Amino acid sequence: MIGSHGRARLLALVRVGLGVLCLLPAVGCATGESPGDDDPGNPDAGPGPGADASPPPDGPSGPPAACVEALDAAAFDFESGPAGWTHDLMPEIEGTDVNWRFDDWEHGTASNVGPAACHDGNGCWATRLDNNYIACQRAYLMSPPIDPSACAGEDLTLTFQHWYDFWTGDWDGQTWFDGGLIELKTEGAGWSSPPGLDYPGTIAINPAKDPPYECIEPGNFYVDGKPGFVGTGSGWEPVEVAIPAEMVTDSFRIRFSYSSGVILNDDTQNANNFSNAGWYIDDLAVVPTAR
């Protein structure tokens, strides 16, 4: 015999899957209705409601455990240091012996030149942390190799937070735009722009003003003429970039490249002469694409 406590427990278990099941004729259905012609305890009963219903489909299971572990390793908050990221001159000025700071990428804490703080915490990357950037810079910030290969077959997205303020100005009948862009690659392939990224404009580097204010290699800026981040953003902003399936390998890399042209008729490297704070990068991760 089932006591009142047992009856309550049975009644609590009767809703299973998509249908309503009767566990015992003496207990009745979870709907509170008395057993009737469809009661499985009735020899004349027909099939109960939902008897032929298929089991409910499983809900989203998420990526496999190995993929989750790989993505954990592909998250960078930059709080404990550069995290394996490196920076250097762009290829068009490699090997130059000109005494000029072409690369001012720095890791550290924002100092109110640009944003009041890093996006979260005290660590981020910037084109320069303690002052505005100078003219004629050409440099990149590059990730270490990232290995999301355990996520092959999964849709992945690169996410990061950035803050930017690039110079824009008119000279010699044209409007010029300093700026930066994002590129992706894998081993054995060249750098390529991620598909579908909606940039705010096109980079147009001003290579010179009245002599002698001219950048070295004035006709050779890698980012010039390419879609990129130009002008000034609206504070820290999130960016999402779809990662092409063919790049979900053990040699995936990310690169942030930027350039600046001649802003003033000035050939000094004193950044106090310039009014733009540049580009800040923080809280980067590779994550499953939201559905």
Protein backbone atom coordinates (compact mmCIF):
# COMPACT_ATOMS: atom_id res chain seq x y z
CA MET A 1 0.00 0.00 0.00
CA ILE A 2 1.19 3.49 -0.79
CA GLY A 3 0.96 5.97 2.05
CA SER A 4 0.17 9.62 1.65
CA HIS A 5 3.87 10.54 1.51
CA GLY A 6 4.52 7.93 -1.18
CA ARG A 7 1.54 9.13 -3.17
CA ALA A 8 2.89 12.69 -3.11
CA ARG A 9 6.29 11.53 -4.37
CA LEU A 10 4.74 9.56 -7.18
CA LEU A 11 2.56 12.49 -8.19
CA ALA A 12 5.67 14.67 -8.32
CA LEU A 13 7.31 12.32 -10.83
CA VAL A 14 4.49 11.73 -13.24
CA ARG A 15 5.28 14.47 -15.76
CA VAL A 16 7.92 12.92 -18.02
CA GLY A 17 9.10 14.24 -21.41
CA LEU A 18 6.43 15.88 -23.50
CA GLY A 19 3.44 13.74 -22.42
CA VAL A 20 1.66 13.08 -19.12
CA LEU A 21 2.00 9.54 -17.79
CA CYS A 22 -0.07 7.64 -15.22
CA LEU A 23 2.15 5.60 -12.95
CA LEU A 24 -0.52 3.64 -11.07
CA PRO A 25 -4.26 3.33 -11.62
CA ALA A 26 -4.83 3.84 -7.91
CA VAL A 27 -2.94 7.12 -7.96
CA GLY A 28 -4.45 8.66 -11.06
CA CYS A 29 -2.87 10.97 -13.59
CA ALA A 30 -0.80 14.03 -12.81
CA THR A 31 -3.53 16.11 -14.36
CA GLY A 32 -5.73 15.27 -11.38
CA GLU A 33 -8.26 13.44 -13.58
CA SER A 34 -9.57 10.03 -12.57
CA PRO A 35 -8.52 7.05 -14.69
CA GLY A 36 -10.97 6.68 -17.54
CA ASP A 37 -11.21 4.89 -20.82
CA ASP A 38 -7.59 5.77 -21.63
CA ASP A 39 -6.35 4.41 -18.28
CA PRO A 40 -3.60 1.84 -18.96
CA GLY A 41 -5.13 -0.15 -16.06
CA ASN A 42 -8.37 -0.53 -17.99
CA PRO A 43 -8.27 -3.57 -20.30
CA ASP A 44 -10.56 -1.77 -22.75
CA ALA A 45 -8.49 1.39 -22.71
CA GLY A 46 -6.95 2.72 -25.87
CA PRO A 47 -3.48 4.24 -26.05
CA GLY A 48 -3.04 7.04 -23.53
CA PRO A 49 -2.34 10.58 -24.55
CA GLY A 50 1.20 11.01 -25.79
CA ALA A 51 1.76 7.24 -25.94
CA ASP A 52 3.19 7.50 -29.43
CA ALA A 53 5.03 10.77 -28.77
CA SER A 54 8.76 10.73 -29.46
CA PRO A 55 11.13 11.65 -26.63
CA PRO A 56 11.91 15.36 -26.48
CA PRO A 57 15.01 16.45 -28.38
CA ASP A 58 18.07 17.07 -26.31
CA GLY A 59 18.87 20.73 -25.57
CA PRO A 60 22.12 22.39 -26.71
CA SER A 61 24.99 20.41 -25.28
CA GLY A 62 27.70 23.01 -25.90
CA PRO A 63 31.20 22.33 -27.23
CA PRO A 64 33.11 19.23 -26.11
CA ALA A 65 35.23 19.38 -22.97
CA ALA A 66 38.50 19.54 -24.93
CA CYS A 67 37.20 22.55 -26.82
CA VAL A 68 36.15 24.29 -23.59
CA GLU A 69 39.65 23.75 -22.21
CA ALA A 70 41.22 25.13 -25.40
CA LEU A 71 39.07 28.24 -25.29
CA ASP A 72 39.96 28.81 -21.63
CA ALA A 73 43.58 29.05 -22.80
CA ALA A 74 42.55 31.49 -25.55
CA ALA A 75 41.31 34.18 -23.15
CA PHE A 76 43.58 37.15 -22.38
CA ASP A 77 42.79 39.77 -19.75
CA PHE A 78 46.42 41.06 -19.70
CA GLU A 79 46.31 41.52 -15.93
CA SER A 80 49.45 39.52 -15.16
CA GLY A 81 51.57 40.74 -18.06
CA PRO A 82 51.86 40.74 -21.86
CA ALA A 83 50.66 37.09 -21.95
CA GLY A 84 52.95 36.15 -24.82
CA TRP A 85 51.86 38.97 -27.11
CA THR A 86 54.65 40.74 -29.02
CA HIS A 87 55.02 43.91 -31.10
CA ASP A 88 57.39 45.15 -33.78
CA LEU A 89 57.80 47.36 -36.85
CA MET A 90 55.68 46.72 -39.91
CA PRO A 91 57.59 45.00 -42.72
CA GLU A 92 57.93 48.10 -44.93
CA ILE A 93 60.41 49.71 -42.53
CA GLU A 94 62.18 46.65 -41.13
CA GLY A 95 65.93 47.14 -41.19
CA THR A 96 65.79 50.92 -41.31
CA ASP A 97 68.54 52.74 -39.42
CA VAL A 98 66.57 55.97 -39.07
CA ASN A 99 66.46 57.16 -35.46
CA TRP A 100 62.67 57.32 -35.08
CA ARG A 101 60.21 55.55 -32.79
CA PHE A 102 58.12 53.66 -35.30
CA ASP A 103 56.72 51.29 -32.66
CA ASP A 104 55.31 52.54 -29.34
CA TRP A 105 53.05 49.60 -28.42
CA GLU A 106 53.13 49.17 -24.63
CA HIS A 107 51.57 46.90 -22.03
CA GLY A 108 50.54 48.39 -18.69
CA THR A 109 47.96 50.61 -17.02
CA ALA A 110 46.05 53.37 -18.77
CA SER A 111 47.06 56.81 -17.50
CA ASN A 112 44.27 59.18 -18.58
CA VAL A 113 45.97 60.16 -21.83
CA GLY A 114 43.29 58.12 -23.55
CA PRO A 115 40.78 56.18 -21.47
CA ALA A 116 40.71 56.76 -17.73
CA ALA A 117 41.44 53.07 -17.16
CA CYS A 118 41.85 49.77 -18.95
CA HIS A 119 38.56 48.11 -19.78
CA ASP A 120 38.71 45.85 -16.74
CA GLY A 121 41.48 45.77 -14.17
CA ASN A 122 44.90 47.35 -14.53
CA GLY A 123 46.41 45.66 -17.58
CA CYS A 124 45.90 46.38 -21.28
CA TRP A 125 47.85 47.13 -24.47
CA ALA A 126 48.08 50.57 -26.09
CA THR A 127 49.92 52.33 -28.89
CA ARG A 128 51.32 54.49 -26.10
CA LEU A 129 50.22 54.54 -22.47
CA ASP A 130 51.64 57.75 -21.03
CA ASN A 131 51.23 60.14 -23.95
CA ASN A 132 49.82 60.68 -27.45
CA TYR A 133 51.35 58.86 -30.39
CA ILE A 134 53.80 60.53 -32.75
CA ALA A 135 53.93 60.84 -36.54
CA CYS A 136 55.06 58.20 -39.04
CA GLN A 137 54.52 55.19 -36.77
CA ARG A 138 54.08 51.75 -38.35
CA ALA A 139 53.79 48.85 -35.91
CA TYR A 140 51.80 45.77 -35.01
CA LEU A 141 50.73 43.91 -31.87
CA MET A 142 50.60 40.12 -32.40
CA SER A 143 49.25 37.21 -30.38
CA PRO A 144 51.20 34.07 -29.60
CA PRO A 145 50.02 30.95 -31.49
CA ILE A 146 46.54 30.02 -30.26
CA ASP A 147 45.32 26.43 -30.53
CA PRO A 148 41.53 26.07 -30.90
CA SER A 149 41.90 22.89 -33.00
CA ALA A 150 39.91 20.87 -30.43
CA CYS A 151 36.96 23.02 -31.54
CA ALA A 152 37.11 21.92 -35.21
CA GLY A 153 33.56 21.88 -36.52
CA GLU A 154 32.39 24.48 -34.00
CA ASP A 155 31.58 28.08 -34.96
CA LEU A 156 33.98 30.39 -33.12
CA THR A 157 34.14 34.14 -32.61
CA LEU A 158 37.02 36.42 -31.63
CA THR A 159 35.88 39.00 -29.09
CA PHE A 160 37.77 41.92 -27.58
CA GLN A 161 37.32 45.38 -26.11
CA HIS A 162 39.04 48.41 -27.60
CA TRP A 163 39.26 52.18 -27.27
CA TYR A 164 40.57 54.32 -30.13
CA ASP A 165 41.25 57.94 -30.99
CA PHE A 166 43.08 58.46 -34.31
CA TRP A 167 43.98 61.74 -35.97
CA THR A 168 41.91 62.95 -38.92
CA GLY A 169 42.75 66.13 -40.83
CA ASP A 170 42.75 67.96 -44.15
CA TRP A 171 45.86 68.73 -46.14
CA ASP A 172 46.57 69.49 -49.77
CA GLY A 173 42.94 69.09 -50.80
CA GLN A 174 42.41 65.68 -49.18
CA THR A 175 41.14 64.33 -45.85
CA TRP A 176 43.60 61.97 -44.16
CA PHE A 177 42.91 59.27 -41.58
CA ASP A 178 45.40 57.58 -39.26
CA GLY A 179 44.03 54.21 -38.20
CA GLY A 180 44.38 50.55 -37.41
CA LEU A 181 43.03 47.18 -38.52
CA ILE A 182 42.75 43.55 -37.42
CA GLU A 183 44.14 40.55 -39.30
CA LEU A 184 44.13 36.78 -38.81
CA LYS A 185 46.36 33.98 -40.06
CA THR A 186 47.50 30.39 -39.65
CA GLU A 187 50.87 28.75 -40.29
CA GLY A 188 51.84 28.86 -43.96
CA ALA A 189 49.25 31.48 -44.88
CA GLY A 190 49.44 35.24 -45.10
CA TRP A 191 47.59 37.75 -42.97
CA SER A 192 43.99 38.37 -44.03
CA SER A 193 41.17 40.62 -42.93
CA PRO A 194 38.34 38.80 -41.14
CA PRO A 195 35.21 38.57 -43.28
CA GLY A 196 32.15 40.59 -42.38
CA LEU A 197 33.83 43.07 -40.03
CA ASP A 198 32.16 46.47 -40.39
CA TYR A 199 34.90 49.10 -40.06
CA PRO A 200 33.98 52.77 -39.61
CA GLY A 201 36.08 53.97 -42.56
CA THR A 202 39.17 53.64 -44.74
CA ILE A 203 42.69 54.43 -43.55
CA ALA A 204 44.43 57.17 -45.56
CA ILE A 205 47.92 58.02 -44.30
CA ASN A 206 49.32 61.49 -45.00
CA PRO A 207 52.97 60.74 -45.86
CA ALA A 208 54.33 64.30 -45.90
CA LYS A 209 53.75 67.99 -45.45
CA ASP A 210 55.94 70.87 -46.54
CA PRO A 211 59.59 69.70 -46.61
CA PRO A 212 61.30 68.42 -44.60
CA TYR A 213 58.28 66.91 -42.87
CA GLU A 214 58.14 63.57 -44.64
CA CYS A 215 57.92 60.02 -43.31
CA ILE A 216 60.54 57.47 -44.32
CA GLU A 217 59.21 55.32 -47.18
CA PRO A 218 56.41 57.85 -47.72
CA GLY A 219 54.70 55.78 -50.40
CA ASN A 220 54.83 52.54 -48.45
CA PHE A 221 52.31 52.20 -45.61
CA TYR A 222 50.87 48.69 -45.25
CA VAL A 223 47.53 49.82 -43.79
CA ASP A 224 47.03 52.74 -46.20
CA GLY A 225 43.90 52.42 -48.32
CA LYS A 226 42.46 49.54 -46.31
CA PRO A 227 39.23 49.51 -44.27
CA GLY A 228 40.00 50.10 -40.61
CA PHE A 229 39.24 51.86 -37.37
CA VAL A 230 39.55 55.60 -38.01
CA GLY A 231 38.42 58.71 -36.16
CA THR A 232 37.34 58.41 -32.54
CA GLY A 233 35.23 55.72 -30.92
CA SER A 234 32.64 56.17 -28.22
CA GLY A 235 34.68 54.82 -25.33
CA TRP A 236 35.47 51.21 -24.67
CA GLU A 237 33.61 49.20 -27.32
CA PRO A 238 33.19 45.44 -27.85
CA VAL A 239 34.12 43.88 -31.18
CA GLU A 240 33.09 40.45 -32.45
CA VAL A 241 34.88 38.80 -35.37
CA ALA A 242 33.78 35.53 -36.94
CA ILE A 243 36.73 33.12 -37.24
CA PRO A 244 36.75 31.27 -40.59
CA ALA A 245 36.47 27.50 -40.18
CA GLU A 246 39.76 26.89 -41.99
CA MET A 247 41.58 28.93 -39.32
CA VAL A 248 40.46 26.74 -36.42
CA THR A 249 43.89 25.11 -36.23
CA ASP A 250 46.78 24.85 -33.78
CA SER A 251 48.56 27.87 -35.33
CA PHE A 252 45.90 30.58 -35.22
CA ARG A 253 47.20 34.13 -34.70
CA ILE A 254 45.76 37.63 -34.38
CA ARG A 255 47.43 40.93 -35.31
CA PHE A 256 46.50 44.58 -34.66
CA SER A 257 48.33 46.90 -37.09
CA TYR A 258 48.26 50.70 -37.22
CA SER A 259 50.01 53.65 -38.81
CA SER A 260 50.19 57.42 -38.40
CA GLY A 261 51.17 60.03 -40.95
CA VAL A 262 52.47 63.57 -40.74
CA ILE A 263 50.13 65.57 -38.53
CA LEU A 264 52.01 68.84 -37.93
CA ASN A 265 54.86 70.63 -39.63
CA ASP A 266 57.20 69.30 -36.99
CA ASP A 267 60.04 66.83 -37.17
CA THR A 268 60.40 66.19 -33.41
CA GLN A 269 59.37 63.07 -31.54
CA ASN A 270 57.70 65.04 -28.75
CA ALA A 271 54.22 63.54 -28.51
CA ASN A 272 53.00 66.59 -26.61
CA ASN A 273 52.73 68.17 -30.06
CA PHE A 274 49.99 65.75 -31.03
CA SER A 275 46.41 65.51 -29.91
CA ASN A 276 45.41 61.85 -30.35
CA ALA A 277 45.80 59.02 -27.89
CA GLY A 278 45.79 56.07 -30.29
CA TRP A 279 44.51 52.53 -29.77
CA TYR A 280 43.94 50.45 -26.60
CA ILE A 281 43.20 46.69 -26.57
CA ASP A 282 41.88 44.62 -23.64
CA ASP A 283 39.96 41.46 -22.63
CA LEU A 284 40.39 39.34 -25.75
CA ALA A 285 38.98 35.82 -26.08
CA VAL A 286 37.95 33.15 -28.54
CA VAL A 287 34.44 31.94 -27.71
CA PRO A 288 31.66 29.79 -29.23
CA THR A 289 29.55 31.85 -31.60
CA ALA A 290 26.30 32.94 -29.96
CA ARG A 291 23.19 31.33 -31.44
